[in-house]
PDB file of N, CA and C in Angstrom:
ATOM      1  N   MET A   1       3.603 -12.883  -2.147  1.00  0.00           N
ATOM      2  CA  MET A   1       5.013 -12.695  -2.299  1.00  0.00           C
ATOM      3  C   MET A   1       5.302 -11.315  -2.888  1.00  0.00           C
ATOM      4  N   GLN A   2       4.449 -10.870  -3.800  1.00  0.00           N
ATOM      5  CA  GLN A   2       4.671  -9.567  -4.431  1.00  0.00           C
ATOM      6  C   GLN A   2       4.641  -8.440  -3.399  1.00  0.00           C
ATOM      7  N   THR A   3       3.756  -8.565  -2.423  1.00  0.00           N
ATOM      8  CA  THR A   3       3.692  -7.522  -1.388  1.00  0.00           C
ATOM      9  C   THR A   3       4.960  -7.500  -0.545  1.00  0.00           C
ATOM     10  N   ALA A   4       5.556  -8.651  -0.330  1.00  0.00           N
ATOM     11  CA  ALA A   4       6.818  -8.689   0.425  1.00  0.00           C
ATOM     12  C   ALA A   4       7.912  -7.966  -0.356  1.00  0.00           C
ATOM     13  N   HIS A   5       7.952  -8.166  -1.666  1.00  0.00           N
ATOM     14  CA  HIS A   5       8.916  -7.447  -2.497  1.00  0.00           C
ATOM     15  C   HIS A   5       8.696  -5.936  -2.379  1.00  0.00           C
ATOM     16  N   ALA A   6       7.452  -5.510  -2.480  1.00  0.00           N
ATOM     17  CA  ALA A   6       7.150  -4.080  -2.410  1.00  0.00           C
ATOM     18  C   ALA A   6       7.479  -3.515  -1.027  1.00  0.00           C
ATOM     19  N   ALA A   7       7.185  -4.259   0.021  1.00  0.00           N
ATOM     20  CA  ALA A   7       7.505  -3.798   1.377  1.00  0.00           C
ATOM     21  C   ALA A   7       9.009  -3.638   1.549  1.00  0.00           C
ATOM     22  N   TRP A   8       9.765  -4.564   1.006  1.00  0.00           N
ATOM     23  CA  TRP A   8      11.225  -4.472   1.083  1.00  0.00           C
ATOM     24  C   TRP A   8      11.712  -3.215   0.351  1.00  0.00           C
ATOM     25  N   GLU A   9      11.178  -2.964  -0.836  1.00  0.00           N
ATOM     26  CA  GLU A   9      11.565  -1.770  -1.589  1.00  0.00           C
ATOM     27  C   GLU A   9      11.192  -0.499  -0.829  1.00  0.00           C
ATOM     28  N   SER A  10      10.043  -0.510  -0.171  1.00  0.00           N
ATOM     29  CA  SER A  10       9.627   0.643   0.624  1.00  0.00           C
ATOM     30  C   SER A  10      10.588   0.887   1.779  1.00  0.00           C
ATOM     31  N   ALA A  11      10.976  -0.177   2.458  1.00  0.00           N
ATOM     32  CA  ALA A  11      11.911  -0.037   3.585  1.00  0.00           C
ATOM     33  C   ALA A  11      13.237   0.536   3.112  1.00  0.00           C
ATOM     34  N   ILE A  12      13.716   0.082   1.963  1.00  0.00           N
ATOM     35  CA  ILE A  12      14.975   0.598   1.422  1.00  0.00           C
ATOM     36  C   ILE A  12      14.821   2.068   1.023  1.00  0.00           C
ATOM     37  N   THR A  13      13.742   2.371   0.332  1.00  0.00           N
ATOM     38  CA  THR A  13      13.521   3.719  -0.193  1.00  0.00           C
ATOM     39  C   THR A  13      13.293   4.744   0.906  1.00  0.00           C
ATOM     40  N   PHE A  14      12.486   4.405   1.878  1.00  0.00           N
ATOM     41  CA  PHE A  14      12.091   5.374   2.891  1.00  0.00           C
ATOM     42  C   PHE A  14      12.832   5.203   4.212  1.00  0.00           C
ATOM     43  N   ASN A  15      13.811   4.320   4.268  1.00  0.00           N
ATOM     44  CA  ASN A  15      14.625   4.114   5.475  1.00  0.00           C
ATOM     45  C   ASN A  15      13.792   3.919   6.732  1.00  0.00           C
ATOM     46  N   GLY A  16      12.664   3.282   6.594  1.00  0.00           N
ATOM     47  CA  GLY A  16      11.825   3.012   7.760  1.00  0.00           C
ATOM     48  C   GLY A  16      11.076   4.225   8.263  1.00  0.00           C
ATOM     49  N   GLY A  17      11.208   5.353   7.591  1.00  0.00           N
ATOM     50  CA  GLY A  17      10.523   6.571   8.033  1.00  0.00           C
ATOM     51  C   GLY A  17      11.032   7.009   9.392  1.00  0.00           C
ATOM     52  N   ASP A  18      10.289   7.846  10.038  1.00  0.00           N
ATOM     53  CA  ASP A  18      10.694   8.317  11.361  1.00  0.00           C
ATOM     54  C   ASP A  18       9.675   7.901  12.418  1.00  0.00           C
ATOM     55  N   LEU A  19       9.099   6.728  12.213  1.00  0.00           N
ATOM     56  CA  LEU A  19       8.130   6.219  13.171  1.00  0.00           C
ATOM     57  C   LEU A  19       8.855   5.653  14.387  1.00  0.00           C
ATOM     58  N   PRO A  20       8.376   5.944  15.583  1.00  0.00           N
ATOM     59  CA  PRO A  20       9.047   5.439  16.772  1.00  0.00           C
ATOM     60  C   PRO A  20       8.857   3.944  17.006  1.00  0.00           C
ATOM     61  N   ASP A  21       7.759   3.396  16.531  1.00  0.00           N
ATOM     62  CA  ASP A  21       7.436   1.990  16.751  1.00  0.00           C
ATOM     63  C   ASP A  21       7.251   1.287  15.417  1.00  0.00           C
ATOM     64  N   HIS A  22       7.105  -0.035  15.497  1.00  0.00           N
ATOM     65  CA  HIS A  22       6.820  -0.818  14.299  1.00  0.00           C
ATOM     66  C   HIS A  22       5.464  -0.376  13.765  1.00  0.00           C
ATOM     67  N   PRO A  23       5.355  -0.029  12.481  1.00  0.00           N
ATOM     68  CA  PRO A  23       4.082   0.462  11.948  1.00  0.00           C
ATOM     69  C   PRO A  23       3.075  -0.665  11.755  1.00  0.00           C
ATOM     70  N   HIS A  24       1.814  -0.272  11.660  1.00  0.00           N
ATOM     71  CA  HIS A  24       0.767  -1.219  11.285  1.00  0.00           C
ATOM     72  C   HIS A  24       0.988  -1.552   9.816  1.00  0.00           C
ATOM     73  N   LEU A  25       0.699  -2.765   9.433  1.00  0.00           N
ATOM     74  CA  LEU A  25       0.778  -3.155   8.035  1.00  0.00           C
ATOM     75  C   LEU A  25      -0.628  -3.469   7.556  1.00  0.00           C
ATOM     76  N   VAL A  26      -0.991  -2.886   6.431  1.00  0.00           N
ATOM     77  CA  VAL A  26      -2.302  -3.122   5.858  1.00  0.00           C
ATOM     78  C   VAL A  26      -2.091  -3.631   4.447  1.00  0.00           C
ATOM     79  N   LEU A  27      -2.688  -4.750   4.132  1.00  0.00           N
ATOM     80  CA  LEU A  27      -2.556  -5.375   2.829  1.00  0.00           C
ATOM     81  C   LEU A  27      -3.873  -5.235   2.072  1.00  0.00           C
ATOM     82  N   LEU A  28      -3.801  -4.657   0.893  1.00  0.00           N
ATOM     83  CA  LEU A  28      -4.975  -4.488   0.052  1.00  0.00           C
ATOM     84  C   LEU A  28      -4.735  -5.204  -1.268  1.00  0.00           C
ATOM     85  N   ALA A  29      -5.780  -5.664  -1.891  1.00  0.00           N
ATOM     86  CA  ALA A  29      -5.657  -6.366  -3.172  1.00  0.00           C
ATOM     87  C   ALA A  29      -6.280  -5.534  -4.284  1.00  0.00           C
ATOM     88  N   ALA A  30      -5.666  -5.608  -5.459  1.00  0.00           N
ATOM     89  CA  ALA A  30      -6.237  -5.007  -6.666  1.00  0.00           C
ATOM     90  C   ALA A  30      -6.501  -6.151  -7.635  1.00  0.00           C
ATOM     91  N   LYS A  31      -7.624  -6.109  -8.317  1.00  0.00           N
ATOM     92  CA  LYS A  31      -8.020  -7.217  -9.190  1.00  0.00           C
ATOM     93  C   LYS A  31      -7.097  -7.399 -10.388  1.00  0.00           C
ATOM     94  N   ASN A  32      -6.461  -6.311 -10.828  1.00  0.00           N
ATOM     95  CA  ASN A  32      -5.590  -6.414 -11.989  1.00  0.00           C
ATOM     96  C   ASN A  32      -4.631  -5.230 -12.021  1.00  0.00           C
ATOM     97  N   GLU A  33      -3.735  -5.238 -12.991  1.00  0.00           N
ATOM     98  CA  GLU A  33      -2.723  -4.189 -13.076  1.00  0.00           C
ATOM     99  C   GLU A  33      -3.348  -2.812 -13.311  1.00  0.00           C
ATOM    100  N   SER A  34      -4.392  -2.756 -14.093  1.00  0.00           N
ATOM    101  CA  SER A  34      -5.070  -1.488 -14.360  1.00  0.00           C
ATOM    102  C   SER A  34      -5.591  -0.855 -13.073  1.00  0.00           C
ATOM    103  N   LYS A  35      -6.199  -1.671 -12.223  1.00  0.00           N
ATOM    104  CA  LYS A  35      -6.715  -1.150 -10.956  1.00  0.00           C
ATOM    105  C   LYS A  35      -5.573  -0.744 -10.028  1.00  0.00           C
ATOM    106  N   LEU A  36      -4.476  -1.449 -10.092  1.00  0.00           N
ATOM    107  CA  LEU A  36      -3.310  -1.080  -9.286  1.00  0.00           C
ATOM    108  C   LEU A  36      -2.769   0.275  -9.747  1.00  0.00           C
ATOM    109  N   HIS A  37      -2.798   0.531 -11.040  1.00  0.00           N
ATOM    110  CA  HIS A  37      -2.382   1.844 -11.545  1.00  0.00           C
ATOM    111  C   HIS A  37      -3.322   2.938 -11.054  1.00  0.00           C
ATOM    112  N   ARG A  38      -4.613   2.629 -10.925  1.00  0.00           N
ATOM    113  CA  ARG A  38      -5.561   3.610 -10.384  1.00  0.00           C
ATOM    114  C   ARG A  38      -5.233   3.958  -8.936  1.00  0.00           C
ATOM    115  N   VAL A  39      -4.810   2.951  -8.175  1.00  0.00           N
ATOM    116  CA  VAL A  39      -4.409   3.205  -6.789  1.00  0.00           C
ATOM    117  C   VAL A  39      -3.197   4.133  -6.764  1.00  0.00           C
ATOM    118  N   THR A  40      -2.225   3.888  -7.641  1.00  0.00           N
ATOM    119  CA  THR A  40      -1.036   4.745  -7.652  1.00  0.00           C
ATOM    120  C   THR A  40      -1.416   6.178  -8.022  1.00  0.00           C
ATOM    121  N   LYS A  41      -2.355   6.340  -8.934  1.00  0.00           N
ATOM    122  CA  LYS A  41      -2.816   7.688  -9.300  1.00  0.00           C
ATOM    123  C   LYS A  41      -3.416   8.385  -8.086  1.00  0.00           C
ATOM    124  N   HIS A  42      -4.227   7.670  -7.311  1.00  0.00           N
ATOM    125  CA  HIS A  42      -4.830   8.220  -6.099  1.00  0.00           C
ATOM    126  C   HIS A  42      -3.740   8.648  -5.105  1.00  0.00           C
ATOM    127  N   LEU A  43      -2.726   7.818  -4.952  1.00  0.00           N
ATOM    128  CA  LEU A  43      -1.639   8.154  -4.032  1.00  0.00           C
ATOM    129  C   LEU A  43      -0.907   9.408  -4.478  1.00  0.00           C
ATOM    130  N   VAL A  44      -0.620   9.509  -5.771  1.00  0.00           N
ATOM    131  CA  VAL A  44       0.061  10.691  -6.308  1.00  0.00           C
ATOM    132  C   VAL A  44      -0.778  11.940  -6.072  1.00  0.00           C
ATOM    133  N   GLU A  45      -2.078  11.848  -6.345  1.00  0.00           N
ATOM    134  CA  GLU A  45      -2.976  12.999  -6.177  1.00  0.00           C
ATOM    135  C   GLU A  45      -2.981  13.533  -4.748  1.00  0.00           C
ATOM    136  N   HIS A  46      -2.704  12.658  -3.785  1.00  0.00           N
ATOM    137  CA  HIS A  46      -2.761  13.074  -2.382  1.00  0.00           C
ATOM    138  C   HIS A  46      -1.382  13.169  -1.726  1.00  0.00           C
ATOM    139  N   GLY A  47      -0.353  13.119  -2.538  1.00  0.00           N
ATOM    140  CA  GLY A  47       0.997  13.341  -2.029  1.00  0.00           C
ATOM    141  C   GLY A  47       1.542  12.227  -1.167  1.00  0.00           C
ATOM    142  N   ILE A  48       1.047  11.014  -1.355  1.00  0.00           N
ATOM    143  CA  ILE A  48       1.536   9.867  -0.589  1.00  0.00           C
ATOM    144  C   ILE A  48       2.638   9.198  -1.401  1.00  0.00           C
ATOM    145  N   LYS A  49       3.822   9.144  -0.825  1.00  0.00           N
ATOM    146  CA  LYS A  49       4.954   8.527  -1.519  1.00  0.00           C
ATOM    147  C   LYS A  49       4.809   7.012  -1.504  1.00  0.00           C
ATOM    148  N   PHE A  50       5.299   6.387  -2.569  1.00  0.00           N
ATOM    149  CA  PHE A  50       5.204   4.934  -2.667  1.00  0.00           C
ATOM    150  C   PHE A  50       6.273   4.420  -3.608  1.00  0.00           C
ATOM    151  N   VAL A  51       6.454   3.115  -3.583  1.00  0.00           N
ATOM    152  CA  VAL A  51       7.365   2.449  -4.520  1.00  0.00           C
ATOM    153  C   VAL A  51       6.562   1.416  -5.303  1.00  0.00           C
ATOM    154  N   HIS A  52       7.043   1.134  -6.509  1.00  0.00           N
ATOM    155  CA  HIS A  52       6.444   0.121  -7.376  1.00  0.00           C
ATOM    156  C   HIS A  52       7.268  -1.157  -7.282  1.00  0.00           C
ATOM    157  N   PHE A  53       6.631  -2.277  -7.544  1.00  0.00           N
ATOM    158  CA  PHE A  53       7.380  -3.514  -7.768  1.00  0.00           C
ATOM    159  C   PHE A  53       6.878  -4.119  -9.070  1.00  0.00           C
ATOM    160  N   TYR A  54       7.806  -4.306  -9.991  1.00  0.00           N
ATOM    161  CA  TYR A  54       7.511  -4.920 -11.289  1.00  0.00           C
ATOM    162  C   TYR A  54       8.100  -6.319 -11.295  1.00  0.00           C
ATOM    163  N   GLU A  55       7.315  -7.305 -11.672  1.00  0.00           N
ATOM    164  CA  GLU A  55       7.752  -8.698 -11.658  1.00  0.00           C
ATOM    165  C   GLU A  55       8.365  -9.085 -12.996  1.00  0.00           C
ATOM    166  N   SER A  56       9.664  -9.370 -12.970  1.00  0.00           N
ATOM    167  CA  SER A  56      10.371  -9.738 -14.207  1.00  0.00           C
ATOM    168  C   SER A  56       9.850 -11.052 -14.784  1.00  0.00           C
ATOM    169  N   ASP A  57       9.365 -11.949 -13.939  1.00  0.00           N
ATOM    170  CA  ASP A  57       8.831 -13.227 -14.430  1.00  0.00           C
ATOM    171  C   ASP A  57       7.468 -13.070 -15.109  1.00  0.00           C
ATOM    172  N   LEU A  58       6.872 -11.889 -14.991  1.00  0.00           N
ATOM    173  CA  LEU A  58       5.568 -11.622 -15.618  1.00  0.00           C
ATOM    174  C   LEU A  58       5.690 -10.461 -16.605  1.00  0.00           C
ATOM    175  N   ASP A  59       6.748 -10.483 -17.392  1.00  0.00           N
ATOM    176  CA  ASP A  59       6.977  -9.444 -18.406  1.00  0.00           C
ATOM    177  C   ASP A  59       7.008  -8.036 -17.805  1.00  0.00           C
ATOM    178  N   ASP A  60       7.615  -7.920 -16.646  1.00  0.00           N
ATOM    179  CA  ASP A  60       7.743  -6.626 -15.949  1.00  0.00           C
ATOM    180  C   ASP A  60       6.401  -5.955 -15.669  1.00  0.00           C
ATOM    181  N   GLN A  61       5.411  -6.761 -15.355  1.00  0.00           N
ATOM    182  CA  GLN A  61       4.091  -6.248 -14.996  1.00  0.00           C
ATOM    183  C   GLN A  61       4.144  -5.661 -13.586  1.00  0.00           C
ATOM    184  N   LEU A  62       3.432  -4.546 -13.370  1.00  0.00           N
ATOM    185  CA  LEU A  62       3.300  -3.980 -12.033  1.00  0.00           C
ATOM    186  C   LEU A  62       2.457  -4.950 -11.208  1.00  0.00           C
ATOM    187  N   THR A  63       3.035  -5.478 -10.121  1.00  0.00           N
ATOM    188  CA  THR A  63       2.317  -6.476  -9.324  1.00  0.00           C
ATOM    189  C   THR A  63       2.077  -6.032  -7.886  1.00  0.00           C
ATOM    190  N   ALA A  64       2.773  -4.986  -7.443  1.00  0.00           N
ATOM    191  CA  ALA A  64       2.584  -4.539  -6.058  1.00  0.00           C
ATOM    192  C   ALA A  64       3.141  -3.135  -5.888  1.00  0.00           C
ATOM    193  N   ILE A  65       2.606  -2.439  -4.895  1.00  0.00           N
ATOM    194  CA  ILE A  65       3.140  -1.146  -4.478  1.00  0.00           C
ATOM    195  C   ILE A  65       3.170  -1.128  -2.958  1.00  0.00           C
ATOM    196  N   ALA A  66       3.994  -0.265  -2.406  1.00  0.00           N
ATOM    197  CA  ALA A  66       4.032  -0.072  -0.951  1.00  0.00           C
ATOM    198  C   ALA A  66       4.211   1.417  -0.689  1.00  0.00           C
ATOM    199  N   THR A  67       3.429   1.943   0.231  1.00  0.00           N
ATOM    200  CA  THR A  67       3.535   3.369   0.553  1.00  0.00           C
ATOM    201  C   THR A  67       4.665   3.610   1.543  1.00  0.00           C
ATOM    202  N   GLN A  68       4.985   4.869   1.666  1.00  0.00           N
ATOM    203  CA  GLN A  68       5.886   5.291   2.724  1.00  0.00           C
ATOM    204  C   GLN A  68       5.244   4.909   4.053  1.00  0.00           C
ATOM    205  N   PRO A  69       6.018   4.736   5.103  1.00  0.00           N
ATOM    206  CA  PRO A  69       5.388   4.527   6.409  1.00  0.00           C
ATOM    207  C   PRO A  69       4.528   5.750   6.750  1.00  0.00           C
ATOM    208  N   ILE A  70       3.340   5.500   7.269  1.00  0.00           N
ATOM    209  CA  ILE A  70       2.421   6.582   7.614  1.00  0.00           C
ATOM    210  C   ILE A  70       2.055   6.450   9.083  1.00  0.00           C
ATOM    211  N   ALA A  71       2.398   7.464   9.845  1.00  0.00           N
ATOM    212  CA  ALA A  71       2.149   7.450  11.292  1.00  0.00           C
ATOM    213  C   ALA A  71       0.653   7.447  11.586  1.00  0.00           C
ATOM    214  N   GLU A  72       0.316   6.905  12.737  1.00  0.00           N
ATOM    215  CA  GLU A  72      -1.089   6.801  13.139  1.00  0.00           C
ATOM    216  C   GLU A  72      -1.785   8.157  13.180  1.00  0.00           C
ATOM    217  N   ASN A  73      -1.066   9.201  13.542  1.00  0.00           N
ATOM    218  CA  ASN A  73      -1.671  10.526  13.658  1.00  0.00           C
ATOM    219  C   ASN A  73      -1.498  11.369  12.391  1.00  0.00           C
ATOM    220  N   SER A  74      -1.049  10.765  11.309  1.00  0.00           N
ATOM    221  CA  SER A  74      -0.829  11.491  10.058  1.00  0.00           C
ATOM    222  C   SER A  74      -2.141  11.794   9.349  1.00  0.00           C
ATOM    223  N   ASP A  75      -2.219  12.995   8.774  1.00  0.00           N
ATOM    224  CA  ASP A  75      -3.390  13.371   7.981  1.00  0.00           C
ATOM    225  C   ASP A  75      -3.511  12.526   6.715  1.00  0.00           C
ATOM    226  N   LEU A  76      -2.409  11.924   6.273  1.00  0.00           N
ATOM    227  CA  LEU A  76      -2.431  11.111   5.050  1.00  0.00           C
ATOM    228  C   LEU A  76      -3.322   9.883   5.182  1.00  0.00           C
ATOM    229  N   ARG A  77      -3.517   9.409   6.400  1.00  0.00           N
ATOM    230  CA  ARG A  77      -4.347   8.214   6.602  1.00  0.00           C
ATOM    231  C   ARG A  77      -5.765   8.398   6.075  1.00  0.00           C
ATOM    232  N   ALA A  78      -6.266   9.617   6.118  1.00  0.00           N
ATOM    233  CA  ALA A  78      -7.632   9.882   5.653  1.00  0.00           C
ATOM    234  C   ALA A  78      -7.804   9.514   4.181  1.00  0.00           C
ATOM    235  N   TYR A  79      -6.739   9.654   3.388  1.00  0.00           N
ATOM    236  CA  TYR A  79      -6.831   9.368   1.956  1.00  0.00           C
ATOM    237  C   TYR A  79      -6.819   7.873   1.663  1.00  0.00           C
ATOM    238  N   LEU A  80      -6.544   7.054   2.654  1.00  0.00           N
ATOM    239  CA  LEU A  80      -6.522   5.606   2.459  1.00  0.00           C
ATOM    240  C   LEU A  80      -7.785   4.929   2.984  1.00  0.00           C
ATOM    241  N   ARG A  81      -8.648   5.686   3.616  1.00  0.00           N
ATOM    242  CA  ARG A  81      -9.851   5.104   4.213  1.00  0.00           C
ATOM    243  C   ARG A  81     -10.826   4.545   3.183  1.00  0.00           C
ATOM    244  N   LYS A  82     -10.708   4.967   1.953  1.00  0.00           N
ATOM    245  CA  LYS A  82     -11.640   4.474   0.926  1.00  0.00           C
ATOM    246  C   LYS A  82     -11.393   3.014   0.582  1.00  0.00           C
ATOM    247  N   TYR A  83     -10.229   2.495   0.954  1.00  0.00           N
ATOM    248  CA  TYR A  83      -9.896   1.107   0.658  1.00  0.00           C
ATOM    249  C   TYR A  83     -10.339   0.218   1.809  1.00  0.00           C
ATOM    250  N   GLN A  84     -10.958  -0.905   1.481  1.00  0.00           N
ATOM    251  CA  GLN A  84     -11.461  -1.810   2.506  1.00  0.00           C
ATOM    252  C   GLN A  84     -10.392  -2.797   2.942  1.00  0.00           C
ATOM    253  N   CYS A  85     -10.378  -3.096   4.217  1.00  0.00           N
ATOM    254  CA  CYS A  85      -9.494  -4.126   4.748  1.00  0.00           C
ATOM    255  C   CYS A  85     -10.141  -5.493   4.545  1.00  0.00           C
ATOM    256  N   LEU A  86      -9.362  -6.522   4.778  1.00  0.00           N
ATOM    257  CA  LEU A  86      -9.853  -7.888   4.675  1.00  0.00           C
ATOM    258  C   LEU A  86     -11.075  -8.075   5.557  1.00  0.00           C
ATOM    259  N   LYS A  87     -12.031  -8.843   5.071  1.00  0.00           N
ATOM    260  CA  LYS A  87     -13.222  -9.096   5.869  1.00  0.00           C
ATOM    261  C   LYS A  87     -13.491 -10.583   5.917  1.00  0.00           C
ATOM    262  N   ASP A  88     -14.092 -10.986   6.992  1.00  0.00           N
ATOM    263  CA  ASP A  88     -14.552 -12.360   7.146  1.00  0.00           C
ATOM    264  C   ASP A  88     -15.925 -12.424   6.479  1.00  0.00           C
ATOM    265  N   ARG A  89     -16.227 -13.516   5.841  1.00  0.00           N
ATOM    266  CA  ARG A  89     -17.503 -13.640   5.129  1.00  0.00           C
ATOM    267  C   ARG A  89     -18.708 -13.421   6.055  1.00  0.00           C
ATOM    268  N   GLN A  90     -18.573 -13.733   7.329  1.00  0.00           N
ATOM    269  CA  GLN A  90     -19.701 -13.594   8.231  1.00  0.00           C
ATOM    270  C   GLN A  90     -19.638 -12.306   9.058  1.00  0.00           C
ATOM    271  N   GLU A  91     -18.603 -11.546   8.852  1.00  0.00           N
ATOM    272  CA  GLU A  91     -18.449 -10.291   9.604  1.00  0.00           C
ATOM    273  C   GLU A  91     -18.657  -9.109   8.680  1.00  0.00           C
ATOM    274  N   PRO A  92     -18.987  -7.945   9.232  1.00  0.00           N
ATOM    275  CA  PRO A  92     -19.146  -6.751   8.396  1.00  0.00           C
ATOM    276  C   PRO A  92     -17.776  -6.290   7.844  1.00  0.00           C
ATOM    277  N   VAL A  93     -17.825  -5.474   6.809  1.00  0.00           N
ATOM    278  CA  VAL A  93     -16.599  -4.923   6.228  1.00  0.00           C
ATOM    279  C   VAL A  93     -16.003  -3.929   7.217  1.00  0.00           C
ATOM    280  N   TYR A  94     -14.696  -3.987   7.389  1.00  0.00           N
ATOM    281  CA  TYR A  94     -13.996  -3.056   8.258  1.00  0.00           C
ATOM    282  C   TYR A  94     -13.256  -2.057   7.395  1.00  0.00           C
ATOM    283  N   GLN A  95     -13.398  -0.787   7.697  1.00  0.00           N
ATOM    284  CA  GLN A  95     -12.675   0.236   6.961  1.00  0.00           C
ATOM    285  C   GLN A  95     -11.286   0.400   7.549  1.00  0.00           C
ATOM    286  N   CYS A  96     -10.306   0.574   6.683  1.00  0.00           N
ATOM    287  CA  CYS A  96      -8.942   0.800   7.135  1.00  0.00           C
ATOM    288  C   CYS A  96      -8.827   2.212   7.695  1.00  0.00           C
ATOM    289  N   GLY A  97      -7.914   2.382   8.629  1.00  0.00           N
ATOM    290  CA  GLY A  97      -7.655   3.714   9.169  1.00  0.00           C
ATOM    291  C   GLY A  97      -8.391   3.895  10.433  1.00  0.00           C
TER     292      GLY A  97
END
């Protein structure tokens, strides 16, 4: 649910970007708020815009972020490749991007 909140904030903030088609959506998990802050630091370092979502029911804890829409041919995608996509237990890990 937190990712849906963050995606909504991203859509409002970035007006859907200037992508001609519906973008790919990639969902990544962070084990805790500290690790989520590390992800935001990485995004800032590489100039990737994003929005935060703080959950009021959890003492305003940072629970999700969403980046600006990133086109398939964007150079920014290279900075997200370090994050792993969901994997099946019997399948190899797939890299995002």
